[in-house]
Amino acid sequence: MRLAIIPARGGSKRIPHKNIKDFCGKPIIAYSIETAIKSNLFDKVIVTTDDIEIAQVAEQYGAEIPFMRPRELSDDFTGTVPVIAHAINSMKELGHGVQEVCCIYATAPFVMIEDLKQGFKLL
């Protein structure tokens, strides 16, 4: 399976709930989700989050939330790599064979389909 993982924790200190703040008419996370889906590169587009409100918004825009991220991976000190590793392992535990993974940040509204396709070509 080819998987897009969008990390989006709810506990931002500087901008609370920044991942679902309105940006030009829709939640900022919606851009990453929609671009990943429209690229047709991924079998699944998932959001890993610890926040039910972020999960609900992500689902509205087409992402899947197959699990909730544990609190210990949702603090100010946890890096992206452990979060992505947890998501991969969680998907494997749910019976999905993960072959390729792309991390797309929730706050990247300018990511373009062509960027994703070029990245995949390089991979």
Protein backbone atom coordinates (compact mmCIF):
# COMPACT_ATOMS: atom_id res chain seq x y z
CA MET A 1 0.00 0.00 0.00
CA ARG A 2 1.12 3.52 -0.77
CA LEU A 3 0.23 5.77 2.15
CA ALA A 4 0.07 9.53 2.69
CA ILE A 5 0.39 10.43 6.37
CA ILE A 6 -0.55 13.91 7.55
CA PRO A 7 0.51 14.61 11.15
CA ALA A 8 -1.75 17.12 12.91
CA ARG A 9 -1.65 17.40 16.67
CA GLY A 10 -4.09 19.57 18.56
CA GLY A 11 -1.80 21.05 21.20
CA SER A 12 -0.02 23.89 19.43
CA LYS A 13 0.97 26.51 21.98
CA ARG A 14 1.60 29.43 19.60
CA ILE A 15 -1.51 29.01 17.44
CA PRO A 16 -4.08 26.74 19.10
CA HIS A 17 -5.75 24.37 16.61
CA LYS A 18 -3.61 25.81 13.82
CA ASN A 19 -4.22 22.74 11.65
CA ILE A 20 -7.91 23.58 11.30
CA LYS A 21 -7.69 27.37 11.29
CA ASP A 22 -9.40 29.00 8.32
CA PHE A 23 -7.03 29.79 5.47
CA CYS A 24 -8.61 31.44 2.44
CA GLY A 25 -12.00 29.90 3.08
CA LYS A 26 -11.27 26.43 4.43
CA PRO A 27 -9.28 24.72 7.18
CA ILE A 28 -5.56 24.77 6.39
CA ILE A 29 -5.33 20.96 6.67
CA ALA A 30 -7.90 20.62 3.86
CA TYR A 31 -5.35 21.73 1.27
CA SER A 32 -2.91 18.93 2.12
CA ILE A 33 -5.68 16.34 2.21
CA GLU A 34 -7.23 17.42 -1.07
CA THR A 35 -3.89 17.60 -2.87
CA ALA A 36 -2.91 14.13 -1.67
CA ILE A 37 -6.24 12.68 -2.79
CA LYS A 38 -6.26 14.46 -6.17
CA SER A 39 -2.71 13.30 -6.91
CA ASN A 40 -3.97 9.71 -7.24
CA LEU A 41 -0.61 8.57 -5.87
CA PHE A 42 -1.90 7.06 -2.63
CA ASP A 43 -4.06 4.11 -1.69
CA LYS A 44 -4.95 5.87 1.55
CA VAL A 45 -4.60 9.38 2.92
CA ILE A 46 -4.62 9.31 6.71
CA VAL A 47 -4.31 11.95 9.41
CA THR A 48 -2.56 11.05 12.63
CA THR A 49 -3.90 13.24 15.42
CA ASP A 50 -4.64 13.29 19.11
CA ASP A 51 -7.54 15.72 18.69
CA ILE A 52 -11.14 14.71 17.94
CA GLU A 53 -12.00 18.07 16.34
CA ILE A 54 -9.05 17.82 13.93
CA ALA A 55 -10.09 14.23 13.16
CA GLN A 56 -13.64 15.33 12.33
CA VAL A 57 -12.47 18.13 10.03
CA ALA A 58 -9.96 15.82 8.32
CA GLU A 59 -12.69 13.25 7.65
CA GLN A 60 -14.93 15.97 6.16
CA TYR A 61 -12.23 16.60 3.55
CA GLY A 62 -11.72 12.94 2.70
CA ALA A 63 -8.91 11.74 4.97
CA GLU A 64 -9.17 8.60 7.03
CA ILE A 65 -8.55 8.46 10.79
CA PRO A 66 -7.94 4.76 11.39
CA PHE A 67 -6.55 5.38 14.91
CA MET A 68 -5.93 8.22 17.34
CA ARG A 69 -2.37 9.20 18.16
CA PRO A 70 -1.37 8.61 21.79
CA ARG A 71 -0.68 11.60 24.03
CA GLU A 72 2.97 10.62 24.50
CA LEU A 73 3.50 11.27 20.78
CA SER A 74 1.63 14.58 20.84
CA ASP A 75 3.78 16.86 22.96
CA ASP A 76 6.06 19.77 22.08
CA PHE A 77 9.15 17.55 22.01
CA THR A 78 8.12 14.64 19.78
CA GLY A 79 9.56 14.83 16.30
CA THR A 80 8.01 13.80 13.02
CA VAL A 81 9.90 10.50 12.67
CA PRO A 82 8.40 8.82 15.78
CA VAL A 83 4.93 10.04 14.75
CA ILE A 84 5.27 8.61 11.23
CA ALA A 85 6.76 5.36 12.61
CA HIS A 86 3.78 5.02 14.96
CA ALA A 87 1.37 5.58 12.06
CA ILE A 88 3.09 2.94 9.92
CA ASN A 89 3.12 0.42 12.77
CA SER A 90 -0.53 1.16 13.59
CA MET A 91 -1.55 0.60 9.98
CA LYS A 92 0.38 -2.70 9.93
CA GLU A 93 -1.39 -3.75 13.15
CA LEU A 94 -4.68 -3.02 11.40
CA GLY A 95 -3.68 -5.44 8.66
CA HIS A 96 -2.43 -3.04 6.00
CA GLY A 97 0.76 -3.84 4.12
CA VAL A 98 2.57 -0.51 3.96
CA GLN A 99 5.11 -0.31 1.15
CA GLU A 100 5.68 3.41 0.54
CA VAL A 101 4.97 6.42 2.74
CA CYS A 102 4.78 10.14 2.11
CA CYS A 103 4.58 12.63 4.97
CA ILE A 104 2.68 15.79 4.09
CA TYR A 105 2.43 18.50 6.72
CA ALA A 106 -1.02 19.78 7.65
CA THR A 107 0.19 23.36 7.41
CA ALA A 108 1.44 23.10 3.82
CA PRO A 109 -1.40 24.66 1.82
CA PHE A 110 0.84 25.36 -1.15
CA VAL A 111 1.95 21.77 -1.77
CA MET A 112 1.12 20.96 -5.37
CA ILE A 113 0.20 17.70 -7.07
CA GLU A 114 3.22 18.06 -9.35
CA ASP A 115 5.50 18.34 -6.30
CA LEU A 116 4.15 15.04 -4.99
CA LYS A 117 4.52 13.37 -8.38
CA GLN A 118 8.11 14.62 -8.75
CA GLY A 119 8.91 13.35 -5.27
CA PHE A 120 7.47 9.97 -6.14
CA LYS A 121 9.55 9.82 -9.32
CA LEU A 122 12.69 10.48 -7.27
CA LEU A 123 11.72 7.74 -4.83
